[in-house]
Amino acid sequence: MSLDLFNNLLNNVKEDKVVQNFMKELSDSLEKKNNELSNQSSLKQEDELYQVIELDEDGVYLQNIKDNKVSKETDISKDVLDNIGNDFVLRYKDGEYIYEEDLTKKFMDSLVDINEYQKIKEDFLNESNISEIDEGTKFTIKEKEEDYCILNYENGNTIKVPTALVPFWAEVGENLYYKNEKFNRDI
């Protein structure tokens, strides 16, 4: 096919009303979606905790620790912005975000490196009966200590799980499920 023939076909396609209409509808749809995202109402709720998941030039992406919903916030004071980074914890209180230094420290202190996590996980898999429990089983946190959690599951059974394997923000009474060798919150 010669280049002239290709250019003629391309010009004909550009002039075709069906293609023009499709391009306009696509453009309008993308613009509408972009406006929806930029006008998305904030998910902030009084006295809720949020974890910083990303700092951006014109805002901060925060994840609500209860329901994992993410929103971009632009109304955070410069003082707070100057003192936070990824994974820091903020509380929305009285119409503003407040840096929760103690909770952030507690969260950061709970983190283990990947090698230590793998060792804890391997030991748990070898020492527990977790592989015999159906993946659809719901676990309820009965106790949560610094080093371990006691989880209840079907018929009053319990299992002792290293705290490093349980989501940090999960609380006593909250449900978890175990899938792909990992405990997850039931949100």
N, C-alpha and C. Protein backbone atom coordinates (compact mmCIF):
# COMPACT_ATOMS: atom_id res chain seq x y z
N MET A 1 0.85 -1.17 0.00
CA MET A 1 0.00 0.00 0.00
C MET A 1 0.90 1.23 0.00
N SER A 2 0.63 2.16 -0.86
CA SER A 2 1.48 3.34 -0.93
C SER A 2 1.12 4.31 0.18
N LEU A 3 2.03 5.18 0.50
CA LEU A 3 1.83 6.16 1.56
C LEU A 3 0.72 7.14 1.20
N ASP A 4 0.59 7.50 -0.06
CA ASP A 4 -0.48 8.42 -0.48
C ASP A 4 -1.85 7.79 -0.26
N LEU A 5 -1.97 6.52 -0.60
CA LEU A 5 -3.25 5.84 -0.41
C LEU A 5 -3.61 5.79 1.08
N PHE A 6 -2.62 5.51 1.91
CA PHE A 6 -2.84 5.47 3.36
C PHE A 6 -3.28 6.84 3.88
N ASN A 7 -2.61 7.89 3.45
CA ASN A 7 -2.97 9.25 3.88
C ASN A 7 -4.37 9.62 3.43
N ASN A 8 -4.75 9.23 2.21
CA ASN A 8 -6.11 9.49 1.72
C ASN A 8 -7.15 8.77 2.57
N LEU A 9 -6.88 7.51 2.90
CA LEU A 9 -7.80 6.75 3.77
C LEU A 9 -7.93 7.42 5.13
N LEU A 10 -6.81 7.84 5.69
CA LEU A 10 -6.80 8.49 7.00
C LEU A 10 -7.62 9.79 6.96
N ASN A 11 -7.44 10.58 5.93
CA ASN A 11 -8.21 11.82 5.79
C ASN A 11 -9.69 11.54 5.64
N ASN A 12 -10.05 10.49 4.89
CA ASN A 12 -11.45 10.13 4.73
C ASN A 12 -12.07 9.71 6.07
N VAL A 13 -11.31 8.96 6.86
CA VAL A 13 -11.80 8.52 8.17
C VAL A 13 -12.02 9.73 9.07
N LYS A 14 -11.10 10.69 9.03
CA LYS A 14 -11.23 11.89 9.86
C LYS A 14 -12.48 12.68 9.49
N GLU A 15 -12.84 12.65 8.21
CA GLU A 15 -14.00 13.40 7.75
C GLU A 15 -15.31 12.65 7.94
N ASP A 16 -15.23 11.37 8.20
CA ASP A 16 -16.43 10.55 8.36
C ASP A 16 -17.20 11.00 9.60
N LYS A 17 -18.50 11.27 9.45
CA LYS A 17 -19.34 11.76 10.55
C LYS A 17 -19.43 10.76 11.70
N VAL A 18 -19.48 9.48 11.39
CA VAL A 18 -19.57 8.46 12.44
C VAL A 18 -18.33 8.54 13.33
N VAL A 19 -17.18 8.64 12.71
CA VAL A 19 -15.93 8.72 13.48
C VAL A 19 -15.90 10.02 14.26
N GLN A 20 -16.32 11.12 13.63
CA GLN A 20 -16.33 12.41 14.33
C GLN A 20 -17.26 12.36 15.54
N ASN A 21 -18.43 11.79 15.36
CA ASN A 21 -19.38 11.67 16.47
C ASN A 21 -18.82 10.81 17.59
N PHE A 22 -18.21 9.69 17.19
CA PHE A 22 -17.60 8.82 18.21
C PHE A 22 -16.52 9.56 18.98
N MET A 23 -15.66 10.28 18.27
CA MET A 23 -14.57 11.01 18.93
C MET A 23 -15.13 12.09 19.86
N LYS A 24 -16.21 12.76 19.44
CA LYS A 24 -16.82 13.79 20.29
C LYS A 24 -17.43 13.16 21.54
N GLU A 25 -18.16 12.06 21.37
CA GLU A 25 -18.76 11.38 22.52
C GLU A 25 -17.69 10.88 23.49
N LEU A 26 -16.63 10.32 22.93
CA LEU A 26 -15.52 9.85 23.77
C LEU A 26 -14.89 11.01 24.53
N SER A 27 -14.64 12.10 23.84
CA SER A 27 -14.07 13.28 24.46
C SER A 27 -14.97 13.83 25.56
N ASP A 28 -16.28 13.94 25.28
CA ASP A 28 -17.24 14.43 26.27
C ASP A 28 -17.29 13.51 27.48
N SER A 29 -17.28 12.21 27.23
CA SER A 29 -17.33 11.24 28.32
C SER A 29 -16.09 11.34 29.20
N LEU A 30 -14.93 11.45 28.58
CA LEU A 30 -13.69 11.58 29.36
C LEU A 30 -13.66 12.88 30.16
N GLU A 31 -14.15 13.94 29.56
CA GLU A 31 -14.19 15.23 30.26
C GLU A 31 -15.15 15.16 31.46
N LYS A 32 -16.31 14.52 31.25
CA LYS A 32 -17.28 14.37 32.34
C LYS A 32 -16.68 13.55 33.49
N LYS A 33 -16.01 12.44 33.15
CA LYS A 33 -15.40 11.60 34.18
C LYS A 33 -14.31 12.37 34.93
N ASN A 34 -13.52 13.14 34.20
CA ASN A 34 -12.47 13.94 34.81
C ASN A 34 -13.07 14.97 35.77
N ASN A 35 -14.17 15.61 35.36
CA ASN A 35 -14.84 16.57 36.24
C ASN A 35 -15.40 15.90 37.48
N GLU A 36 -15.95 14.70 37.32
CA GLU A 36 -16.48 13.96 38.47
C GLU A 36 -15.37 13.67 39.47
N LEU A 37 -14.20 13.25 38.95
CA LEU A 37 -13.09 12.93 39.84
C LEU A 37 -12.56 14.18 40.54
N SER A 38 -12.45 15.27 39.80
CA SER A 38 -11.91 16.48 40.41
C SER A 38 -12.92 17.13 41.36
N ASN A 39 -14.21 16.89 41.14
CA ASN A 39 -15.23 17.45 42.02
C ASN A 39 -15.67 16.45 43.10
N GLN A 40 -14.98 15.31 43.15
CA GLN A 40 -15.37 14.27 44.10
C GLN A 40 -15.36 14.86 45.51
N SER A 41 -16.47 14.67 46.19
CA SER A 41 -16.54 15.22 47.53
C SER A 41 -15.57 14.47 48.44
N SER A 42 -15.07 15.20 49.36
CA SER A 42 -14.14 14.63 50.32
C SER A 42 -14.85 13.58 51.15
N LEU A 43 -14.12 12.60 51.55
CA LEU A 43 -14.71 11.53 52.37
C LEU A 43 -14.47 11.78 53.86
N LYS A 44 -13.99 12.96 54.21
CA LYS A 44 -13.64 13.23 55.61
C LYS A 44 -14.86 13.19 56.52
N GLN A 45 -14.64 12.57 57.67
CA GLN A 45 -15.67 12.45 58.68
C GLN A 45 -15.06 12.83 60.02
N GLU A 46 -15.84 13.49 60.83
CA GLU A 46 -15.37 13.97 62.12
C GLU A 46 -14.80 12.83 62.97
N ASP A 47 -13.65 13.07 63.54
CA ASP A 47 -12.96 12.17 64.47
C ASP A 47 -12.57 10.82 63.86
N GLU A 48 -12.41 10.77 62.53
CA GLU A 48 -11.96 9.55 61.85
C GLU A 48 -10.46 9.63 61.63
N LEU A 49 -9.83 8.47 61.53
CA LEU A 49 -8.40 8.39 61.25
C LEU A 49 -8.17 8.10 59.78
N TYR A 50 -7.13 8.73 59.24
CA TYR A 50 -6.77 8.58 57.83
C TYR A 50 -5.27 8.36 57.75
N GLN A 51 -4.87 7.49 56.84
CA GLN A 51 -3.46 7.23 56.62
C GLN A 51 -3.04 7.84 55.29
N VAL A 52 -1.92 8.53 55.29
CA VAL A 52 -1.40 9.15 54.08
C VAL A 52 -0.89 8.05 53.17
N ILE A 53 -1.42 7.98 51.96
CA ILE A 53 -0.93 6.96 51.02
C ILE A 53 -0.09 7.57 49.91
N GLU A 54 -0.25 8.88 49.69
CA GLU A 54 0.60 9.53 48.70
C GLU A 54 0.51 11.05 48.85
N LEU A 55 1.68 11.68 48.82
CA LEU A 55 1.74 13.13 48.80
C LEU A 55 1.82 13.57 47.35
N ASP A 56 1.04 14.59 46.98
CA ASP A 56 1.01 15.08 45.62
C ASP A 56 1.26 16.58 45.66
N GLU A 57 1.59 17.18 44.53
CA GLU A 57 1.86 18.61 44.48
C GLU A 57 0.67 19.44 44.94
N ASP A 58 -0.52 19.01 44.61
CA ASP A 58 -1.70 19.81 44.93
C ASP A 58 -2.65 19.13 45.91
N GLY A 59 -2.14 18.22 46.72
CA GLY A 59 -2.97 17.57 47.72
C GLY A 59 -2.34 16.31 48.27
N VAL A 60 -3.11 15.64 49.08
CA VAL A 60 -2.66 14.42 49.73
C VAL A 60 -3.74 13.36 49.56
N TYR A 61 -3.33 12.15 49.16
CA TYR A 61 -4.27 11.04 49.07
C TYR A 61 -4.31 10.37 50.44
N LEU A 62 -5.51 10.30 50.99
CA LEU A 62 -5.72 9.71 52.32
C LEU A 62 -6.63 8.51 52.21
N GLN A 63 -6.34 7.51 53.06
CA GLN A 63 -7.18 6.32 53.11
C GLN A 63 -7.80 6.24 54.49
N ASN A 64 -9.13 6.16 54.53
CA ASN A 64 -9.84 5.99 55.80
C ASN A 64 -9.49 4.61 56.34
N ILE A 65 -9.05 4.54 57.58
CA ILE A 65 -8.59 3.26 58.11
C ILE A 65 -9.73 2.30 58.42
N LYS A 66 -10.96 2.79 58.52
CA LYS A 66 -12.09 1.90 58.80
C LYS A 66 -12.62 1.22 57.55
N ASP A 67 -12.77 1.98 56.46
CA ASP A 67 -13.40 1.40 55.28
C ASP A 67 -12.49 1.37 54.05
N ASN A 68 -11.25 1.82 54.20
CA ASN A 68 -10.24 1.81 53.14
C ASN A 68 -10.57 2.70 51.95
N LYS A 69 -11.58 3.57 52.06
CA LYS A 69 -11.90 4.49 50.97
C LYS A 69 -10.81 5.56 50.88
N VAL A 70 -10.48 5.91 49.64
CA VAL A 70 -9.40 6.87 49.39
C VAL A 70 -9.99 8.15 48.83
N SER A 71 -9.47 9.27 49.31
CA SER A 71 -9.87 10.56 48.75
C SER A 71 -8.65 11.46 48.67
N LYS A 72 -8.73 12.41 47.77
CA LYS A 72 -7.66 13.40 47.64
C LYS A 72 -8.09 14.63 48.40
N GLU A 73 -7.27 15.06 49.33
CA GLU A 73 -7.58 16.23 50.14
C GLU A 73 -6.62 17.36 49.80
N THR A 74 -7.18 18.55 49.64
CA THR A 74 -6.36 19.71 49.31
C THR A 74 -6.39 20.77 50.40
N ASP A 75 -7.21 20.54 51.42
CA ASP A 75 -7.36 21.56 52.47
C ASP A 75 -6.63 21.19 53.76
N ILE A 76 -5.41 20.72 53.61
CA ILE A 76 -4.59 20.37 54.77
C ILE A 76 -3.62 21.52 55.02
N SER A 77 -3.51 21.94 56.25
CA SER A 77 -2.67 23.11 56.57
C SER A 77 -1.21 22.85 56.20
N LYS A 78 -0.52 23.94 55.89
CA LYS A 78 0.89 23.86 55.52
C LYS A 78 1.71 23.29 56.68
N ASP A 79 1.34 23.64 57.90
CA ASP A 79 2.05 23.13 59.07
C ASP A 79 1.97 21.60 59.13
N VAL A 80 0.80 21.05 58.88
CA VAL A 80 0.64 19.59 58.88
C VAL A 80 1.40 18.99 57.69
N LEU A 81 1.25 19.60 56.51
CA LEU A 81 1.94 19.09 55.32
C LEU A 81 3.46 19.04 55.50
N ASP A 82 4.01 20.01 56.21
CA ASP A 82 5.45 20.06 56.42
C ASP A 82 5.95 18.97 57.38
N ASN A 83 5.04 18.31 58.09
CA ASN A 83 5.44 17.33 59.10
C ASN A 83 4.99 15.91 58.81
N ILE A 84 4.47 15.66 57.61
CA ILE A 84 3.96 14.32 57.33
C ILE A 84 4.65 13.71 56.12
N GLY A 85 4.50 12.40 55.99
CA GLY A 85 5.00 11.64 54.85
C GLY A 85 4.07 10.46 54.62
N ASN A 86 4.43 9.61 53.71
CA ASN A 86 3.63 8.42 53.44
C ASN A 86 3.50 7.57 54.70
N ASP A 87 2.32 7.02 54.91
CA ASP A 87 1.96 6.16 56.04
C ASP A 87 1.74 6.90 57.34
N PHE A 88 1.88 8.22 57.35
CA PHE A 88 1.59 8.98 58.56
C PHE A 88 0.08 8.95 58.80
N VAL A 89 -0.32 9.14 60.04
CA VAL A 89 -1.72 9.06 60.43
C VAL A 89 -2.23 10.45 60.79
N LEU A 90 -3.39 10.79 60.23
CA LEU A 90 -4.05 12.06 60.51
C LEU A 90 -5.44 11.79 61.07
N ARG A 91 -5.91 12.71 61.87
CA ARG A 91 -7.28 12.65 62.39
C ARG A 91 -7.99 13.91 61.90
N TYR A 92 -9.25 13.74 61.46
CA TYR A 92 -10.04 14.89 61.07
C TYR A 92 -10.84 15.31 62.29
N LYS A 93 -10.56 16.49 62.80
CA LYS A 93 -11.19 16.94 64.05
C LYS A 93 -11.49 18.44 63.94
N ASP A 94 -12.70 18.81 64.26
CA ASP A 94 -13.12 20.21 64.27
C ASP A 94 -12.80 20.93 62.95
N GLY A 95 -13.03 20.24 61.84
CA GLY A 95 -12.88 20.87 60.54
C GLY A 95 -11.48 20.94 59.99
N GLU A 96 -10.53 20.24 60.62
CA GLU A 96 -9.16 20.26 60.10
C GLU A 96 -8.46 18.93 60.38
N TYR A 97 -7.40 18.69 59.64
CA TYR A 97 -6.60 17.49 59.84
C TYR A 97 -5.52 17.76 60.87
N ILE A 98 -5.37 16.80 61.77
CA ILE A 98 -4.37 16.91 62.83
C ILE A 98 -3.44 15.71 62.71
N TYR A 99 -2.15 15.95 62.78
CA TYR A 99 -1.15 14.89 62.71
C TYR A 99 -1.16 14.11 64.02
N GLU A 100 -1.36 12.80 63.93
CA GLU A 100 -1.39 11.92 65.09
C GLU A 100 0.00 11.30 65.26
N GLU A 101 0.86 11.99 65.97
CA GLU A 101 2.25 11.56 66.10
C GLU A 101 2.38 10.21 66.81
N ASP A 102 1.66 10.01 67.91
CA ASP A 102 1.77 8.76 68.66
C ASP A 102 1.26 7.56 67.85
N LEU A 103 0.13 7.73 67.17
CA LEU A 103 -0.39 6.63 66.35
C LEU A 103 0.54 6.33 65.17
N THR A 104 1.11 7.38 64.59
CA THR A 104 2.05 7.17 63.49
C THR A 104 3.27 6.40 63.98
N LYS A 105 3.79 6.78 65.14
CA LYS A 105 4.95 6.08 65.71
C LYS A 105 4.61 4.62 65.99
N LYS A 106 3.45 4.40 66.58
CA LYS A 106 3.01 3.03 66.89
C LYS A 106 2.90 2.20 65.61
N PHE A 107 2.32 2.79 64.56
CA PHE A 107 2.20 2.09 63.28
C PHE A 107 3.59 1.79 62.71
N MET A 108 4.46 2.77 62.68
CA MET A 108 5.80 2.59 62.11
C MET A 108 6.59 1.54 62.90
N ASP A 109 6.43 1.56 64.22
CA ASP A 109 7.13 0.58 65.06
C ASP A 109 6.62 -0.84 64.84
N SER A 110 5.38 -0.97 64.37
CA SER A 110 4.80 -2.30 64.15
C SER A 110 5.30 -2.95 62.86
N LEU A 111 5.87 -2.16 61.98
CA LEU A 111 6.31 -2.69 60.69
C LEU A 111 7.54 -3.57 60.88
N VAL A 112 7.57 -4.67 60.13
CA VAL A 112 8.73 -5.56 60.15
C VAL A 112 9.26 -5.66 58.72
N ASP A 113 10.55 -5.91 58.59
CA ASP A 113 11.08 -6.01 57.23
C ASP A 113 10.59 -7.31 56.59
N ILE A 114 10.73 -7.39 55.29
CA ILE A 114 10.16 -8.50 54.52
C ILE A 114 10.72 -9.85 54.95
N ASN A 115 12.00 -9.91 55.27
CA ASN A 115 12.60 -11.18 55.69
C ASN A 115 12.03 -11.65 57.03
N GLU A 116 11.88 -10.71 57.96
CA GLU A 116 11.31 -11.07 59.26
C GLU A 116 9.85 -11.49 59.09
N TYR A 117 9.11 -10.77 58.25
CA TYR A 117 7.71 -11.11 57.99
C TYR A 117 7.61 -12.52 57.41
N GLN A 118 8.45 -12.84 56.43
CA GLN A 118 8.42 -14.17 55.81
C GLN A 118 8.71 -15.26 56.85
N LYS A 119 9.66 -15.00 57.74
CA LYS A 119 10.01 -15.97 58.79
C LYS A 119 8.81 -16.18 59.74
N ILE A 120 8.20 -15.07 60.15
CA ILE A 120 7.02 -15.16 61.04
C ILE A 120 5.91 -15.95 60.35
N LYS A 121 5.69 -15.66 59.08
CA LYS A 121 4.64 -16.34 58.31
C LYS A 121 4.93 -17.83 58.16
N GLU A 122 6.16 -18.18 57.82
CA GLU A 122 6.53 -19.59 57.68
C GLU A 122 6.36 -20.34 58.99
N ASP A 123 6.82 -19.75 60.08
CA ASP A 123 6.67 -20.39 61.39
C ASP A 123 5.20 -20.60 61.73
N PHE A 124 4.37 -19.59 61.45
CA PHE A 124 2.94 -19.69 61.72
C PHE A 124 2.32 -20.82 60.90
N LEU A 125 2.65 -20.88 59.60
CA LEU A 125 2.11 -21.93 58.74
C LEU A 125 2.51 -23.32 59.22
N ASN A 126 3.75 -23.46 59.69
CA ASN A 126 4.25 -24.76 60.16
C ASN A 126 3.69 -25.16 61.52
N GLU A 127 3.44 -24.18 62.38
CA GLU A 127 3.05 -24.48 63.76
C GLU A 127 1.54 -24.46 63.99
N SER A 128 0.78 -23.91 63.06
CA SER A 128 -0.67 -23.80 63.27
C SER A 128 -1.41 -24.79 62.37
N ASN A 129 -2.71 -24.84 62.55
CA ASN A 129 -3.56 -25.68 61.70
C ASN A 129 -4.28 -24.84 60.64
N ILE A 130 -3.75 -23.66 60.33
CA ILE A 130 -4.43 -22.74 59.42
C ILE A 130 -4.68 -23.36 58.05
N SER A 131 -3.79 -24.21 57.58
CA SER A 131 -3.96 -24.81 56.25
C SER A 131 -5.14 -25.78 56.21
N GLU A 132 -5.59 -26.25 57.36
CA GLU A 132 -6.72 -27.17 57.44
C GLU A 132 -8.06 -26.45 57.53
N ILE A 133 -8.03 -25.13 57.70
CA ILE A 133 -9.25 -24.34 57.86
C ILE A 133 -9.68 -23.80 56.50
N ASP A 134 -10.96 -23.93 56.20
CA ASP A 134 -11.52 -23.49 54.92
C ASP A 134 -11.25 -22.00 54.70
N GLU A 135 -10.87 -21.62 53.45
CA GLU A 135 -10.56 -20.22 53.14
C GLU A 135 -11.74 -19.29 53.33
N GLY A 136 -12.95 -19.79 53.29
CA GLY A 136 -14.13 -18.95 53.46
C GLY A 136 -14.45 -18.65 54.92
N THR A 137 -13.67 -19.19 55.83
CA THR A 137 -13.94 -19.03 57.25
C THR A 137 -13.71 -17.60 57.71
N LYS A 138 -14.64 -17.10 58.49
CA LYS A 138 -14.49 -15.77 59.10
C LYS A 138 -13.89 -15.95 60.48
N PHE A 139 -12.94 -15.10 60.78
CA PHE A 139 -12.30 -15.08 62.09
C PHE A 139 -12.68 -13.77 62.77
N THR A 140 -12.90 -13.83 64.07
CA THR A 140 -13.18 -12.63 64.84
C THR A 140 -12.07 -12.44 65.85
N ILE A 141 -11.55 -11.22 65.92
CA ILE A 141 -10.46 -10.93 66.85
C ILE A 141 -11.02 -10.92 68.27
N LYS A 142 -10.55 -11.85 69.08
CA LYS A 142 -10.99 -11.95 70.47
C LYS A 142 -10.08 -11.12 71.37
N GLU A 143 -8.77 -11.23 71.14
CA GLU A 143 -7.77 -10.48 71.90
C GLU A 143 -6.70 -9.99 70.94
N LYS A 144 -6.15 -8.83 71.24
CA LYS A 144 -5.05 -8.30 70.42
C LYS A 144 -3.98 -7.77 71.36
N GLU A 145 -2.88 -8.46 71.39
CA GLU A 145 -1.75 -8.08 72.23
C GLU A 145 -0.62 -7.58 71.33
N GLU A 146 0.48 -7.20 71.95
CA GLU A 146 1.61 -6.68 71.18
C GLU A 146 2.19 -7.72 70.23
N ASP A 147 2.33 -8.97 70.70
CA ASP A 147 2.99 -10.00 69.90
C ASP A 147 2.05 -10.99 69.22
N TYR A 148 0.83 -11.10 69.70
CA TYR A 148 -0.08 -12.09 69.13
C TYR A 148 -1.53 -11.65 69.26
N CYS A 149 -2.37 -12.28 68.47
CA CYS A 149 -3.82 -12.08 68.53
C CYS A 149 -4.47 -13.44 68.70
N ILE A 150 -5.57 -13.48 69.42
CA ILE A 150 -6.38 -14.68 69.52
C ILE A 150 -7.61 -14.44 68.65
N LEU A 151 -7.81 -15.35 67.69
CA LEU A 151 -8.95 -15.24 66.78
C LEU A 151 -9.92 -16.38 67.03
N ASN A 152 -11.19 -16.06 67.10
CA ASN A 152 -12.25 -17.07 67.19
C ASN A 152 -12.72 -17.40 65.79
N TYR A 153 -13.08 -18.66 65.60
CA TYR A 153 -13.71 -19.06 64.33
C TYR A 153 -14.68 -20.17 64.62
N GLU A 154 -15.30 -20.70 63.62
CA GLU A 154 -16.43 -21.63 63.73
C GLU A 154 -16.41 -22.54 64.96
N ASN A 155 -17.60 -22.68 65.56
CA ASN A 155 -17.85 -23.58 66.70
C ASN A 155 -16.98 -23.29 67.91
N GLY A 156 -16.61 -22.03 68.14
CA GLY A 156 -15.87 -21.66 69.33
C GLY A 156 -14.38 -21.98 69.29
N ASN A 157 -13.86 -22.41 68.16
CA ASN A 157 -12.43 -22.68 68.04
C ASN A 157 -11.65 -21.38 68.04
N THR A 158 -10.40 -21.46 68.49
CA THR A 158 -9.53 -20.29 68.49
C THR A 158 -8.19 -20.64 67.85
N ILE A 159 -7.51 -19.60 67.40
CA ILE A 159 -6.18 -19.77 66.83
C ILE A 159 -5.35 -18.57 67.27
N LYS A 160 -4.10 -18.84 67.64
CA LYS A 160 -3.16 -17.80 68.06
C LYS A 160 -2.34 -17.39 66.84
N VAL A 161 -2.39 -16.10 66.51
CA VAL A 161 -1.75 -15.59 65.29
C VAL A 161 -0.78 -14.47 65.67
N PRO A 162 0.44 -14.50 65.13
CA PRO A 162 1.36 -13.38 65.38
C PRO A 162 0.74 -12.06 64.92
N THR A 163 0.85 -11.03 65.73
CA THR A 163 0.26 -9.74 65.41
C THR A 163 0.79 -9.18 64.09
N ALA A 164 2.01 -9.51 63.73
CA ALA A 164 2.58 -9.03 62.46
C ALA A 164 1.80 -9.53 61.25
N LEU A 165 1.03 -10.61 61.41
CA LEU A 165 0.26 -11.17 60.30
C LEU A 165 -1.18 -10.65 60.24
N VAL A 166 -1.57 -9.88 61.25
CA VAL A 166 -2.93 -9.33 61.33
C VAL A 166 -2.86 -7.86 60.92
N PRO A 167 -3.81 -7.40 60.09
CA PRO A 167 -3.78 -5.99 59.69
C PRO A 167 -3.70 -5.06 60.91
N PHE A 168 -2.82 -4.09 60.84
CA PHE A 168 -2.55 -3.20 61.97
C PHE A 168 -3.81 -2.52 62.50
N TRP A 169 -4.67 -2.05 61.60
CA TRP A 169 -5.83 -1.28 62.03
C TRP A 169 -7.01 -2.14 62.45
N ALA A 170 -6.90 -3.45 62.35
CA ALA A 170 -7.98 -4.33 62.79
C ALA A 170 -8.11 -4.26 64.31
N GLU A 171 -9.34 -4.23 64.79
CA GLU A 171 -9.58 -4.07 66.22
C GLU A 171 -10.28 -5.30 66.79
N VAL A 172 -10.25 -5.42 68.12
CA VAL A 172 -10.95 -6.50 68.81
C VAL A 172 -12.42 -6.44 68.41
N GLY A 173 -12.98 -7.61 68.07
CA GLY A 173 -14.37 -7.70 67.65
C GLY A 173 -14.54 -7.63 66.15
N GLU A 174 -13.51 -7.22 65.44
CA GLU A 174 -13.60 -7.10 63.99
C GLU A 174 -13.38 -8.46 63.33
N ASN A 175 -14.01 -8.64 62.17
CA ASN A 175 -13.89 -9.90 61.43
C ASN A 175 -12.75 -9.83 60.43
N LEU A 176 -12.09 -10.97 60.26
CA LEU A 176 -11.02 -11.14 59.29
C LEU A 176 -11.32 -12.37 58.45
N TYR A 177 -10.71 -12.46 57.30
CA TYR A 177 -10.73 -13.69 56.54
C TYR A 177 -9.30 -14.00 56.12
N TYR A 178 -9.05 -15.26 55.84
CA TYR A 178 -7.70 -15.72 55.50
C TYR A 178 -7.72 -16.27 54.09
N LYS A 179 -6.96 -15.63 53.21
CA LYS A 179 -6.91 -16.06 51.82
C LYS A 179 -5.51 -15.81 51.28
N ASN A 180 -5.02 -16.77 50.50
CA ASN A 180 -3.69 -16.67 49.89
C ASN A 180 -2.60 -16.41 50.95
N GLU A 181 -2.73 -17.13 52.05
CA GLU A 181 -1.76 -17.06 53.15
C GLU A 181 -1.66 -15.67 53.77
N LYS A 182 -2.79 -14.98 53.82
CA LYS A 182 -2.80 -13.63 54.37
C LYS A 182 -4.14 -13.32 55.05
N PHE A 183 -4.09 -12.69 56.23
CA PHE A 183 -5.31 -12.23 56.89
C PHE A 183 -5.67 -10.86 56.36
N ASN A 184 -6.96 -10.68 56.10
CA ASN A 184 -7.46 -9.40 55.60
C ASN A 184 -8.68 -8.98 56.42
N ARG A 185 -8.87 -7.68 56.54
CA ARG A 185 -10.06 -7.17 57.22
C ARG A 185 -11.27 -7.44 56.37
N ASP A 186 -12.39 -7.72 57.02
CA ASP A 186 -13.66 -7.95 56.33
C ASP A 186 -14.41 -6.62 56.30
N ILE A 187 -14.15 -5.86 55.23
CA ILE A 187 -14.74 -4.51 55.12
C ILE A 187 -15.92 -4.55 54.19
